Amino acid sequence: MRFNPEDLPEIVKNFYKQGKIAWHATICAAIKAGIGDLNKLTDIAFHLHHPERKGRPIELHEVDLITQWNNFKILIKLMDSSKSFHDNLDGFVFKKGEDWINLISTPDIKRPLG
């Protein structure tokens, strides 16, 4: 089945559109929005890192991508099983128009390189 980010809840789409730098925030938003299926969460993280696939499922011969998908699944499972993750998730509130870059950036990070 093809992954389509347009099927995600609006708050999750807002983070998804910010790209792979926001993968952790996107997963947090997805969990907070009620997406609890580990495979769906893993698909979100994987396809966020591979927009060139345009939602195309991984094929059996794509062994490196299967490994990467499984690694995302392990990371998300570890995140989700962490008590501190869930304690912090309760305080993870998004305002309309808020973006992940502004949540984590400092003036030094935003300064142009070079």
PDB file of N, CA and C in Angstrom:
ATOM      1  N   MET A   1       0.841  -1.181   0.000  1.00  0.00           N
ATOM      2  CA  MET A   1       0.000   0.000   0.000  1.00  0.00           C
ATOM      3  C   MET A   1       0.889   1.249   0.000  1.00  0.00           C
ATOM      4  N   ARG A   2       0.575   2.175  -0.833  1.00  0.00           N
ATOM      5  CA  ARG A   2       1.351   3.408  -0.982  1.00  0.00           C
ATOM      6  C   ARG A   2       1.102   4.338   0.206  1.00  0.00           C
ATOM      7  N   PHE A   3       2.176   4.901   0.745  1.00  0.00           N
ATOM      8  CA  PHE A   3       2.088   5.878   1.830  1.00  0.00           C
ATOM      9  C   PHE A   3       1.753   7.236   1.233  1.00  0.00           C
ATOM     10  N   ASN A   4       0.781   7.920   1.839  1.00  0.00           N
ATOM     11  CA  ASN A   4       0.403   9.251   1.370  1.00  0.00           C
ATOM     12  C   ASN A   4       0.359  10.209   2.560  1.00  0.00           C
ATOM     13  N   PRO A   5       1.306  11.145   2.634  1.00  0.00           N
ATOM     14  CA  PRO A   5       1.314  12.065   3.776  1.00  0.00           C
ATOM     15  C   PRO A   5       0.063  12.942   3.855  1.00  0.00           C
ATOM     16  N   GLU A   6      -0.653  13.069   2.755  1.00  0.00           N
ATOM     17  CA  GLU A   6      -1.894  13.865   2.780  1.00  0.00           C
ATOM     18  C   GLU A   6      -2.973  13.195   3.618  1.00  0.00           C
ATOM     19  N   ASP A   7      -2.809  11.901   3.912  1.00  0.00           N
ATOM     20  CA  ASP A   7      -3.768  11.182   4.752  1.00  0.00           C
ATOM     21  C   ASP A   7      -3.525  11.394   6.248  1.00  0.00           C
ATOM     22  N   LEU A   8      -2.425  12.055   6.586  1.00  0.00           N
ATOM     23  CA  LEU A   8      -2.087  12.291   7.992  1.00  0.00           C
ATOM     24  C   LEU A   8      -2.954  13.405   8.580  1.00  0.00           C
ATOM     25  N   PRO A   9      -3.166  13.373   9.903  1.00  0.00           N
ATOM     26  CA  PRO A   9      -3.871  14.487  10.545  1.00  0.00           C
ATOM     27  C   PRO A   9      -3.131  15.806  10.276  1.00  0.00           C
ATOM     28  N   GLU A  10      -3.847  16.881  10.251  1.00  0.00           N
ATOM     29  CA  GLU A  10      -3.298  18.187   9.874  1.00  0.00           C
ATOM     30  C   GLU A  10      -2.050  18.572  10.668  1.00  0.00           C
ATOM     31  N   ILE A  11      -2.083  18.390  11.977  1.00  0.00           N
ATOM     32  CA  ILE A  11      -0.930  18.774  12.799  1.00  0.00           C
ATOM     33  C   ILE A  11       0.294  17.944  12.429  1.00  0.00           C
ATOM     34  N   VAL A  12       0.093  16.690  12.079  1.00  0.00           N
ATOM     35  CA  VAL A  12       1.208  15.816  11.692  1.00  0.00           C
ATOM     36  C   VAL A  12       1.751  16.260  10.330  1.00  0.00           C
ATOM     37  N   LYS A  13       0.850  16.590   9.409  1.00  0.00           N
ATOM     38  CA  LYS A  13       1.282  17.077   8.092  1.00  0.00           C
ATOM     39  C   LYS A  13       2.142  18.330   8.215  1.00  0.00           C
ATOM     40  N   ASN A  14       1.783  19.210   9.144  1.00  0.00           N
ATOM     41  CA  ASN A  14       2.547  20.447   9.332  1.00  0.00           C
ATOM     42  C   ASN A  14       3.998  20.153   9.680  1.00  0.00           C
ATOM     43  N   PHE A  15       4.224  19.168  10.514  1.00  0.00           N
ATOM     44  CA  PHE A  15       5.590  18.793  10.868  1.00  0.00           C
ATOM     45  C   PHE A  15       6.246  17.999   9.750  1.00  0.00           C
ATOM     46  N   TYR A  16       5.491  17.129   9.127  1.00  0.00           N
ATOM     47  CA  TYR A  16       6.014  16.297   8.031  1.00  0.00           C
ATOM     48  C   TYR A  16       6.571  17.171   6.905  1.00  0.00           C
ATOM     49  N   LYS A  17       5.899  18.243   6.613  1.00  0.00           N
ATOM     50  CA  LYS A  17       6.321  19.144   5.529  1.00  0.00           C
ATOM     51  C   LYS A  17       7.661  19.814   5.801  1.00  0.00           C
ATOM     52  N   GLN A  18       8.106  19.800   7.046  1.00  0.00           N
ATOM     53  CA  GLN A  18       9.377  20.433   7.397  1.00  0.00           C
ATOM     54  C   GLN A  18      10.577  19.529   7.111  1.00  0.00           C
ATOM     55  N   GLY A  19      10.317  18.314   6.686  1.00  0.00           N
ATOM     56  CA  GLY A  19      11.403  17.432   6.277  1.00  0.00           C
ATOM     57  C   GLY A  19      11.977  16.597   7.404  1.00  0.00           C
ATOM     58  N   LYS A  20      13.037  15.875   7.038  1.00  0.00           N
ATOM     59  CA  LYS A  20      13.579  14.876   7.951  1.00  0.00           C
ATOM     60  C   LYS A  20      14.181  15.454   9.231  1.00  0.00           C
ATOM     61  N   ILE A  21      14.552  16.719   9.236  1.00  0.00           N
ATOM     62  CA  ILE A  21      15.066  17.308  10.482  1.00  0.00           C
ATOM     63  C   ILE A  21      13.989  17.281  11.566  1.00  0.00           C
ATOM     64  N   ALA A  22      12.745  17.233  11.166  1.00  0.00           N
ATOM     65  CA  ALA A  22      11.627  17.258  12.116  1.00  0.00           C
ATOM     66  C   ALA A  22      11.027  15.872  12.336  1.00  0.00           C
ATOM     67  N   TRP A  23      11.779  14.817  12.054  1.00  0.00           N
ATOM     68  CA  TRP A  23      11.183  13.476  12.136  1.00  0.00           C
ATOM     69  C   TRP A  23      10.724  13.151  13.550  1.00  0.00           C
ATOM     70  N   HIS A  24      11.503  13.505  14.557  1.00  0.00           N
ATOM     71  CA  HIS A  24      11.124  13.200  15.941  1.00  0.00           C
ATOM     72  C   HIS A  24       9.852  13.956  16.330  1.00  0.00           C
ATOM     73  N   ALA A  25       9.781  15.237  15.985  1.00  0.00           N
ATOM     74  CA  ALA A  25       8.594  16.039  16.279  1.00  0.00           C
ATOM     75  C   ALA A  25       7.383  15.511  15.513  1.00  0.00           C
ATOM     76  N   THR A  26       7.611  15.036  14.294  1.00  0.00           N
ATOM     77  CA  THR A  26       6.513  14.486  13.494  1.00  0.00           C
ATOM     78  C   THR A  26       5.951  13.240  14.163  1.00  0.00           C
ATOM     79  N   ILE A  27       6.829  12.379  14.663  1.00  0.00           N
ATOM     80  CA  ILE A  27       6.377  11.162  15.354  1.00  0.00           C
ATOM     81  C   ILE A  27       5.661  11.527  16.655  1.00  0.00           C
ATOM     82  N   CYS A  28       6.193  12.489  17.399  1.00  0.00           N
ATOM     83  CA  CYS A  28       5.513  12.947  18.619  1.00  0.00           C
ATOM     84  C   CYS A  28       4.111  13.466  18.302  1.00  0.00           C
ATOM     85  N   ALA A  29       4.013  14.271  17.248  1.00  0.00           N
ATOM     86  CA  ALA A  29       2.709  14.816  16.853  1.00  0.00           C
ATOM     87  C   ALA A  29       1.766  13.695  16.434  1.00  0.00           C
ATOM     88  N   ALA A  30       2.296  12.687  15.736  1.00  0.00           N
ATOM     89  CA  ALA A  30       1.464  11.565  15.293  1.00  0.00           C
ATOM     90  C   ALA A  30       0.925  10.780  16.486  1.00  0.00           C
ATOM     91  N   ILE A  31       1.775  10.525  17.451  1.00  0.00           N
ATOM     92  CA  ILE A  31       1.330   9.803  18.653  1.00  0.00           C
ATOM     93  C   ILE A  31       0.292  10.633  19.392  1.00  0.00           C
ATOM     94  N   LYS A  32       0.575  11.917  19.540  1.00  0.00           N
ATOM     95  CA  LYS A  32      -0.368  12.811  20.232  1.00  0.00           C
ATOM     96  C   LYS A  32      -1.699  12.901  19.474  1.00  0.00           C
ATOM     97  N   ALA A  33      -1.653  12.757  18.144  1.00  0.00           N
ATOM     98  CA  ALA A  33      -2.872  12.816  17.327  1.00  0.00           C
ATOM     99  C   ALA A  33      -3.624  11.483  17.320  1.00  0.00           C
ATOM    100  N   GLY A  34      -3.082  10.480  18.017  1.00  0.00           N
ATOM    101  CA  GLY A  34      -3.796   9.211  18.146  1.00  0.00           C
ATOM    102  C   GLY A  34      -3.314   8.091  17.236  1.00  0.00           C
ATOM    103  N   ILE A  35      -2.227   8.306  16.514  1.00  0.00           N
ATOM    104  CA  ILE A  35      -1.676   7.231  15.680  1.00  0.00           C
ATOM    105  C   ILE A  35      -0.813   6.372  16.598  1.00  0.00           C
ATOM    106  N   GLY A  36      -1.291   5.178  16.893  1.00  0.00           N
ATOM    107  CA  GLY A  36      -0.583   4.305  17.820  1.00  0.00           C
ATOM    108  C   GLY A  36       0.024   3.083  17.173  1.00  0.00           C
ATOM    109  N   ASP A  37      -0.307   2.835  15.923  1.00  0.00           N
ATOM    110  CA  ASP A  37       0.209   1.662  15.230  1.00  0.00           C
ATOM    111  C   ASP A  37       1.691   1.862  14.906  1.00  0.00           C
ATOM    112  N   LEU A  38       2.539   0.968  15.419  1.00  0.00           N
ATOM    113  CA  LEU A  38       3.985   1.095  15.252  1.00  0.00           C
ATOM    114  C   LEU A  38       4.397   1.078  13.782  1.00  0.00           C
ATOM    115  N   ASN A  39       3.745   0.270  12.981  1.00  0.00           N
ATOM    116  CA  ASN A  39       4.079   0.224  11.555  1.00  0.00           C
ATOM    117  C   ASN A  39       3.736   1.530  10.845  1.00  0.00           C
ATOM    118  N   LYS A  40       2.610   2.131  11.209  1.00  0.00           N
ATOM    119  CA  LYS A  40       2.250   3.425  10.608  1.00  0.00           C
ATOM    120  C   LYS A  40       3.233   4.513  11.017  1.00  0.00           C
ATOM    121  N   LEU A  41       3.616   4.508  12.284  1.00  0.00           N
ATOM    122  CA  LEU A  41       4.593   5.486  12.757  1.00  0.00           C
ATOM    123  C   LEU A  41       5.930   5.300  12.040  1.00  0.00           C
ATOM    124  N   THR A  42       6.311   4.044  11.839  1.00  0.00           N
ATOM    125  CA  THR A  42       7.566   3.741  11.138  1.00  0.00           C
ATOM    126  C   THR A  42       7.491   4.185   9.689  1.00  0.00           C
ATOM    127  N   ASP A  43       6.353   3.963   9.050  1.00  0.00           N
ATOM    128  CA  ASP A  43       6.176   4.435   7.665  1.00  0.00           C
ATOM    129  C   ASP A  43       6.336   5.953   7.578  1.00  0.00           C
ATOM    130  N   ILE A  44       5.789   6.657   8.556  1.00  0.00           N
ATOM    131  CA  ILE A  44       5.905   8.118   8.564  1.00  0.00           C
ATOM    132  C   ILE A  44       7.386   8.518   8.619  1.00  0.00           C
ATOM    133  N   ALA A  45       8.121   7.942   9.566  1.00  0.00           N
ATOM    134  CA  ALA A  45       9.538   8.289   9.709  1.00  0.00           C
ATOM    135  C   ALA A  45      10.328   7.905   8.459  1.00  0.00           C
ATOM    136  N   PHE A  46      10.080   6.725   7.929  1.00  0.00           N
ATOM    137  CA  PHE A  46      10.821   6.256   6.758  1.00  0.00           C
ATOM    138  C   PHE A  46      10.561   7.149   5.546  1.00  0.00           C
ATOM    139  N   HIS A  47       9.305   7.398   5.240  1.00  0.00           N
ATOM    140  CA  HIS A  47       8.977   8.182   4.044  1.00  0.00           C
ATOM    141  C   HIS A  47       9.353   9.657   4.206  1.00  0.00           C
ATOM    142  N   LEU A  48       9.412  10.115   5.427  1.00  0.00           N
ATOM    143  CA  LEU A  48       9.899  11.470   5.688  1.00  0.00           C
ATOM    144  C   LEU A  48      11.367  11.589   5.266  1.00  0.00           C
ATOM    145  N   HIS A  49      12.118  10.521   5.447  1.00  0.00           N
ATOM    146  CA  HIS A  49      13.534  10.508   5.065  1.00  0.00           C
ATOM    147  C   HIS A  49      13.744  10.158   3.587  1.00  0.00           C
ATOM    148  N   HIS A  50      12.697   9.702   2.926  1.00  0.00           N
ATOM    149  CA  HIS A  50      12.815   9.297   1.516  1.00  0.00           C
ATOM    150  C   HIS A  50      11.681   9.881   0.664  1.00  0.00           C
ATOM    151  N   PRO A  51      11.620  11.209   0.561  1.00  0.00           N
ATOM    152  CA  PRO A  51      10.549  11.817  -0.241  1.00  0.00           C
ATOM    153  C   PRO A  51      10.641  11.451  -1.725  1.00  0.00           C
ATOM    154  N   GLU A  52      11.833  11.085  -2.169  1.00  0.00           N
ATOM    155  CA  GLU A  52      12.007  10.707  -3.584  1.00  0.00           C
ATOM    156  C   GLU A  52      11.208   9.457  -3.946  1.00  0.00           C
ATOM    157  N   ARG A  53      10.801   8.671  -2.962  1.00  0.00           N
ATOM    158  CA  ARG A  53      10.023   7.451  -3.217  1.00  0.00           C
ATOM    159  C   ARG A  53       8.552   7.770  -3.488  1.00  0.00           C
ATOM    160  N   LYS A  54       8.128   8.967  -3.112  1.00  0.00           N
ATOM    161  CA  LYS A  54       6.740   9.405  -3.326  1.00  0.00           C
ATOM    162  C   LYS A  54       5.723   8.379  -2.782  1.00  0.00           C
ATOM    163  N   GLY A  55       6.053   7.839  -1.598  1.00  0.00           N
ATOM    164  CA  GLY A  55       5.139   6.913  -0.933  1.00  0.00           C
ATOM    165  C   GLY A  55       5.207   5.481  -1.409  1.00  0.00           C
ATOM    166  N   ARG A  56       6.065   5.201  -2.369  1.00  0.00           N
ATOM    167  CA  ARG A  56       6.162   3.845  -2.926  1.00  0.00           C
ATOM    168  C   ARG A  56       6.667   2.878  -1.857  1.00  0.00           C
ATOM    169  N   PRO A  57       6.006   1.732  -1.708  1.00  0.00           N
ATOM    170  CA  PRO A  57       6.446   0.748  -0.711  1.00  0.00           C
ATOM    171  C   PRO A  57       7.846   0.203  -1.030  1.00  0.00           C
ATOM    172  N   ILE A  58       8.505  -0.285  -0.019  1.00  0.00           N
ATOM    173  CA  ILE A  58       9.814  -0.910  -0.188  1.00  0.00           C
ATOM    174  C   ILE A  58       9.608  -2.277  -0.845  1.00  0.00           C
ATOM    175  N   GLU A  59      10.481  -2.588  -1.779  1.00  0.00           N
ATOM    176  CA  GLU A  59      10.414  -3.899  -2.447  1.00  0.00           C
ATOM    177  C   GLU A  59      11.417  -4.851  -1.799  1.00  0.00           C
ATOM    178  N   LEU A  60      11.183  -6.142  -1.949  1.00  0.00           N
ATOM    179  CA  LEU A  60      11.997  -7.161  -1.288  1.00  0.00           C
ATOM    180  C   LEU A  60      13.486  -7.071  -1.615  1.00  0.00           C
ATOM    181  N   HIS A  61      13.835  -6.636  -2.801  1.00  0.00           N
ATOM    182  CA  HIS A  61      15.249  -6.557  -3.172  1.00  0.00           C
ATOM    183  C   HIS A  61      15.948  -5.317  -2.587  1.00  0.00           C
ATOM    184  N   GLU A  62      15.209  -4.404  -1.988  1.00  0.00           N
ATOM    185  CA  GLU A  62      15.779  -3.177  -1.410  1.00  0.00           C
ATOM    186  C   GLU A  62      16.194  -3.421   0.044  1.00  0.00           C
ATOM    187  N   VAL A  63      17.167  -4.282   0.201  1.00  0.00           N
ATOM    188  CA  VAL A  63      17.582  -4.769   1.515  1.00  0.00           C
ATOM    189  C   VAL A  63      18.035  -3.632   2.433  1.00  0.00           C
ATOM    190  N   ASP A  64      18.806  -2.689   1.922  1.00  0.00           N
ATOM    191  CA  ASP A  64      19.274  -1.572   2.753  1.00  0.00           C
ATOM    192  C   ASP A  64      18.102  -0.742   3.274  1.00  0.00           C
ATOM    193  N   LEU A  65      17.087  -0.552   2.441  1.00  0.00           N
ATOM    194  CA  LEU A  65      15.917   0.228   2.861  1.00  0.00           C
ATOM    195  C   LEU A  65      15.073  -0.541   3.873  1.00  0.00           C
ATOM    196  N   ILE A  66      15.016  -1.863   3.706  1.00  0.00           N
ATOM    197  CA  ILE A  66      14.303  -2.690   4.696  1.00  0.00           C
ATOM    198  C   ILE A  66      14.990  -2.570   6.048  1.00  0.00           C
ATOM    199  N   THR A  67      16.323  -2.607   6.041  1.00  0.00           N
ATOM    200  CA  THR A  67      17.092  -2.458   7.275  1.00  0.00           C
ATOM    201  C   THR A  67      16.833  -1.090   7.899  1.00  0.00           C
ATOM    202  N   GLN A  68      16.834  -0.050   7.074  1.00  0.00           N
ATOM    203  CA  GLN A  68      16.579   1.294   7.590  1.00  0.00           C
ATOM    204  C   GLN A  68      15.181   1.390   8.187  1.00  0.00           C
ATOM    205  N   TRP A  69      14.181   0.834   7.510  1.00  0.00           N
ATOM    206  CA  TRP A  69      12.805   0.845   8.018  1.00  0.00           C
ATOM    207  C   TRP A  69      12.753   0.149   9.379  1.00  0.00           C
ATOM    208  N   ASN A  70      13.406  -1.013   9.473  1.00  0.00           N
ATOM    209  CA  ASN A  70      13.414  -1.755  10.742  1.00  0.00           C
ATOM    210  C   ASN A  70      14.127  -0.979  11.840  1.00  0.00           C
ATOM    211  N   ASN A  71      15.181  -0.255  11.493  1.00  0.00           N
ATOM    212  CA  ASN A  71      15.878   0.565  12.489  1.00  0.00           C
ATOM    213  C   ASN A  71      14.998   1.699  13.000  1.00  0.00           C
ATOM    214  N   PHE A  72      14.224   2.322  12.095  1.00  0.00           N
ATOM    215  CA  PHE A  72      13.266   3.339  12.544  1.00  0.00           C
ATOM    216  C   PHE A  72      12.241   2.722  13.489  1.00  0.00           C
ATOM    217  N   LYS A  73      11.797   1.521  13.174  1.00  0.00           N
ATOM    218  CA  LYS A  73      10.804   0.845  14.009  1.00  0.00           C
ATOM    219  C   LYS A  73      11.354   0.618  15.415  1.00  0.00           C
ATOM    220  N   ILE A  74      12.611   0.192  15.492  1.00  0.00           N
ATOM    221  CA  ILE A  74      13.245  -0.022  16.797  1.00  0.00           C
ATOM    222  C   ILE A  74      13.353   1.296  17.565  1.00  0.00           C
ATOM    223  N   LEU A  75      13.804   2.350  16.891  1.00  0.00           N
ATOM    224  CA  LEU A  75      13.927   3.656  17.548  1.00  0.00           C
ATOM    225  C   LEU A  75      12.590   4.154  18.084  1.00  0.00           C
ATOM    226  N   ILE A  76      11.559   4.028  17.262  1.00  0.00           N
ATOM    227  CA  ILE A  76      10.230   4.513  17.677  1.00  0.00           C
ATOM    228  C   ILE A  76       9.701   3.674  18.830  1.00  0.00           C
ATOM    229  N   LYS A  77       9.934   2.375  18.779  1.00  0.00           N
ATOM    230  CA  LYS A  77       9.493   1.511  19.874  1.00  0.00           C
ATOM    231  C   LYS A  77      10.213   1.884  21.168  1.00  0.00           C
ATOM    232  N   LEU A  78      11.511   2.153  21.081  1.00  0.00           N
ATOM    233  CA  LEU A  78      12.255   2.584  22.263  1.00  0.00           C
ATOM    234  C   LEU A  78      11.750   3.932  22.774  1.00  0.00           C
ATOM    235  N   MET A  79      11.499   4.864  21.855  1.00  0.00           N
ATOM    236  CA  MET A  79      10.954   6.168  22.252  1.00  0.00           C
ATOM    237  C   MET A  79       9.630   5.980  22.970  1.00  0.00           C
ATOM    238  N   ASP A  80       8.760   5.172  22.366  1.00  0.00           N
ATOM    239  CA  ASP A  80       7.407   5.000  22.882  1.00  0.00           C
ATOM    240  C   ASP A  80       7.389   4.263  24.218  1.00  0.00           C
ATOM    241  N   SER A  81       8.405   3.437  24.477  1.00  0.00           N
ATOM    242  CA  SER A  81       8.432   2.684  25.731  1.00  0.00           C
ATOM    243  C   SER A  81       9.080   3.471  26.870  1.00  0.00           C
ATOM    244  N   SER A  82       9.619   4.635  26.557  1.00  0.00           N
ATOM    245  CA  SER A  82      10.308   5.445  27.556  1.00  0.00           C
ATOM    246  C   SER A  82       9.311   6.260  28.378  1.00  0.00           C
ATOM    247  N   LYS A  83       9.376   6.111  29.691  1.00  0.00           N
ATOM    248  CA  LYS A  83       8.491   6.891  30.559  1.00  0.00           C
ATOM    249  C   LYS A  83       8.757   8.390  30.389  1.00  0.00           C
ATOM    250  N   SER A  84      10.036   8.775  30.286  1.00  0.00           N
ATOM    251  CA  SER A  84      10.344  10.196  30.153  1.00  0.00           C
ATOM    252  C   SER A  84       9.811  10.749  28.836  1.00  0.00           C
ATOM    253  N   PHE A  85       9.793   9.918  27.782  1.00  0.00           N
ATOM    254  CA  PHE A  85       9.221  10.348  26.513  1.00  0.00           C
ATOM    255  C   PHE A  85       7.751  10.703  26.698  1.00  0.00           C
ATOM    256  N   HIS A  86       7.006   9.838  27.365  1.00  0.00           N
ATOM    257  CA  HIS A  86       5.575  10.102  27.556  1.00  0.00           C
ATOM    258  C   HIS A  86       5.343  11.245  28.529  1.00  0.00           C
ATOM    259  N   ASP A  87       6.207  11.381  29.525  1.00  0.00           N
ATOM    260  CA  ASP A  87       6.086  12.529  30.436  1.00  0.00           C
ATOM    261  C   ASP A  87       6.270  13.831  29.664  1.00  0.00           C
ATOM    262  N   ASN A  88       7.239  13.862  28.771  1.00  0.00           N
ATOM    263  CA  ASN A  88       7.493  15.057  27.967  1.00  0.00           C
ATOM    264  C   ASN A  88       6.448  15.246  26.883  1.00  0.00           C
ATOM    265  N   LEU A  89       5.879  14.160  26.388  1.00  0.00           N
ATOM    266  CA  LEU A  89       4.862  14.242  25.345  1.00  0.00           C
ATOM    267  C   LEU A  89       3.634  15.000  25.833  1.00  0.00           C
ATOM    268  N   ASP A  90       3.321  14.849  27.124  1.00  0.00           N
ATOM    269  CA  ASP A  90       2.171  15.567  27.675  1.00  0.00           C
ATOM    270  C   ASP A  90       2.346  17.072  27.551  1.00  0.00           C
ATOM    271  N   GLY A  91       3.574  17.547  27.618  1.00  0.00           N
ATOM    272  CA  GLY A  91       3.847  18.972  27.494  1.00  0.00           C
ATOM    273  C   GLY A  91       4.132  19.410  26.069  1.00  0.00           C
ATOM    274  N   PHE A  92       4.041  18.478  25.144  1.00  0.00           N
ATOM    275  CA  PHE A  92       4.345  18.736  23.742  1.00  0.00           C
ATOM    276  C   PHE A  92       3.103  19.304  23.073  1.00  0.00           C
ATOM    277  N   VAL A  93       2.972  20.610  23.117  1.00  0.00           N
ATOM    278  CA  VAL A  93       1.785  21.286  22.590  1.00  0.00           C
ATOM    279  C   VAL A  93       2.199  22.128  21.395  1.00  0.00           C
ATOM    280  N   PHE A  94       1.422  22.066  20.341  1.00  0.00           N
ATOM    281  CA  PHE A  94       1.721  22.815  19.136  1.00  0.00           C
ATOM    282  C   PHE A  94       0.665  23.883  18.918  1.00  0.00           C
ATOM    283  N   LYS A  95       1.119  25.029  18.502  1.00  0.00           N
ATOM    284  CA  LYS A  95       0.205  26.082  18.112  1.00  0.00           C
ATOM    285  C   LYS A  95       0.148  26.109  16.599  1.00  0.00           C
ATOM    286  N   LYS A  96      -0.985  26.510  16.075  1.00  0.00           N
ATOM    287  CA  LYS A  96      -1.114  26.606  14.625  1.00  0.00           C
ATOM    288  C   LYS A  96      -0.007  27.502  14.063  1.00  0.00           C
ATOM    289  N   GLY A  97       0.666  27.023  13.035  1.00  0.00           N
ATOM    290  CA  GLY A  97       1.710  27.784  12.384  1.00  0.00           C
ATOM    291  C   GLY A  97       3.087  27.629  13.017  1.00  0.00           C
ATOM    292  N   GLU A  98       3.154  26.936  14.157  1.00  0.00           N
ATOM    293  CA  GLU A  98       4.431  26.747  14.827  1.00  0.00           C
ATOM    294  C   GLU A  98       5.236  25.705  14.060  1.00  0.00           C
ATOM    295  N   ASP A  99       6.508  25.948  13.884  1.00  0.00           N
ATOM    296  CA  ASP A  99       7.292  24.953  13.170  1.00  0.00           C
ATOM    297  C   ASP A  99       8.446  24.453  14.022  1.00  0.00           C
ATOM    298  N   TRP A 100       8.902  23.266  13.708  1.00  0.00           N
ATOM    299  CA  TRP A 100       9.926  22.592  14.483  1.00  0.00           C
ATOM    300  C   TRP A 100      11.223  23.383  14.517  1.00  0.00           C
ATOM    301  N   ILE A 101      11.608  23.980  13.413  1.00  0.00           N
ATOM    302  CA  ILE A 101      12.852  24.743  13.377  1.00  0.00           C
ATOM    303  C   ILE A 101      12.824  25.850  14.429  1.00  0.00           C
ATOM    304  N   ASN A 102      11.722  26.553  14.529  1.00  0.00           N
ATOM    305  CA  ASN A 102      11.632  27.629  15.515  1.00  0.00           C
ATOM    306  C   ASN A 102      11.617  27.097  16.944  1.00  0.00           C
ATOM    307  N   LEU A 103      11.161  25.866  17.125  1.00  0.00           N
ATOM    308  CA  LEU A 103      11.148  25.292  18.464  1.00  0.00           C
ATOM    309  C   LEU A 103      12.549  24.921  18.935  1.00  0.00           C
ATOM    310  N   ILE A 104      13.442  24.526  18.015  1.00  0.00           N
ATOM    311  CA  ILE A 104      14.752  24.040  18.427  1.00  0.00           C
ATOM    312  C   ILE A 104      15.887  25.001  18.117  1.00  0.00           C
ATOM    313  N   SER A 105      15.626  26.025  17.335  1.00  0.00           N
ATOM    314  CA  SER A 105      16.711  26.882  16.861  1.00  0.00           C
ATOM    315  C   SER A 105      17.150  27.896  17.899  1.00  0.00           C
ATOM    316  N   THR A 106      18.403  28.243  17.779  1.00  0.00           N
ATOM    317  CA  THR A 106      18.945  29.372  18.519  1.00  0.00           C
ATOM    318  C   THR A 106      19.408  30.355  17.462  1.00  0.00           C
ATOM    319  N   PRO A 107      19.658  31.613  17.821  1.00  0.00           N
ATOM    320  CA  PRO A 107      20.143  32.554  16.806  1.00  0.00           C
ATOM    321  C   PRO A 107      21.388  32.063  16.089  1.00  0.00           C
ATOM    322  N   ASP A 108      22.283  31.349  16.790  1.00  0.00           N
ATOM    323  CA  ASP A 108      23.505  30.840  16.149  1.00  0.00           C
ATOM    324  C   ASP A 108      23.183  29.814  15.063  1.00  0.00           C
ATOM    325  N   ILE A 109      22.191  28.986  15.284  1.00  0.00           N
ATOM    326  CA  ILE A 109      21.832  27.960  14.308  1.00  0.00           C
ATOM    327  C   ILE A 109      21.196  28.610  13.081  1.00  0.00           C
ATOM    328  N   LYS A 110      20.409  29.654  13.273  1.00  0.00           N
ATOM    329  CA  LYS A 110      19.715  30.296  12.156  1.00  0.00           C
ATOM    330  C   LYS A 110      20.644  31.167  11.321  1.00  0.00           C
ATOM    331  N   ARG A 111      21.807  31.541  11.892  1.00  0.00           N
ATOM    332  CA  ARG A 111      22.723  32.411  11.171  1.00  0.00           C
ATOM    333  C   ARG A 111      23.230  31.731   9.904  1.00  0.00           C
ATOM    334  N   PRO A 112      23.233  32.403   8.766  1.00  0.00           N
ATOM    335  CA  PRO A 112      23.722  31.791   7.530  1.00  0.00           C
ATOM    336  C   PRO A 112      25.173  31.325   7.679  1.00  0.00           C
ATOM    337  N   LEU A 113      25.468  30.201   7.064  1.00  0.00           N
ATOM    338  CA  LEU A 113      26.831  29.683   7.099  1.00  0.00           C
ATOM    339  C   LEU A 113      27.696  30.442   6.115  1.00  0.00           C
ATOM    340  N   GLY A 114      28.982  30.575   6.457  1.00  0.00           N
ATOM    341  CA  GLY A 114      29.944  31.144   5.506  1.00  0.00           C
ATOM    342  C   GLY A 114      30.150  32.606   5.603  1.00  0.00           C
TER     343      GLY A 114
END
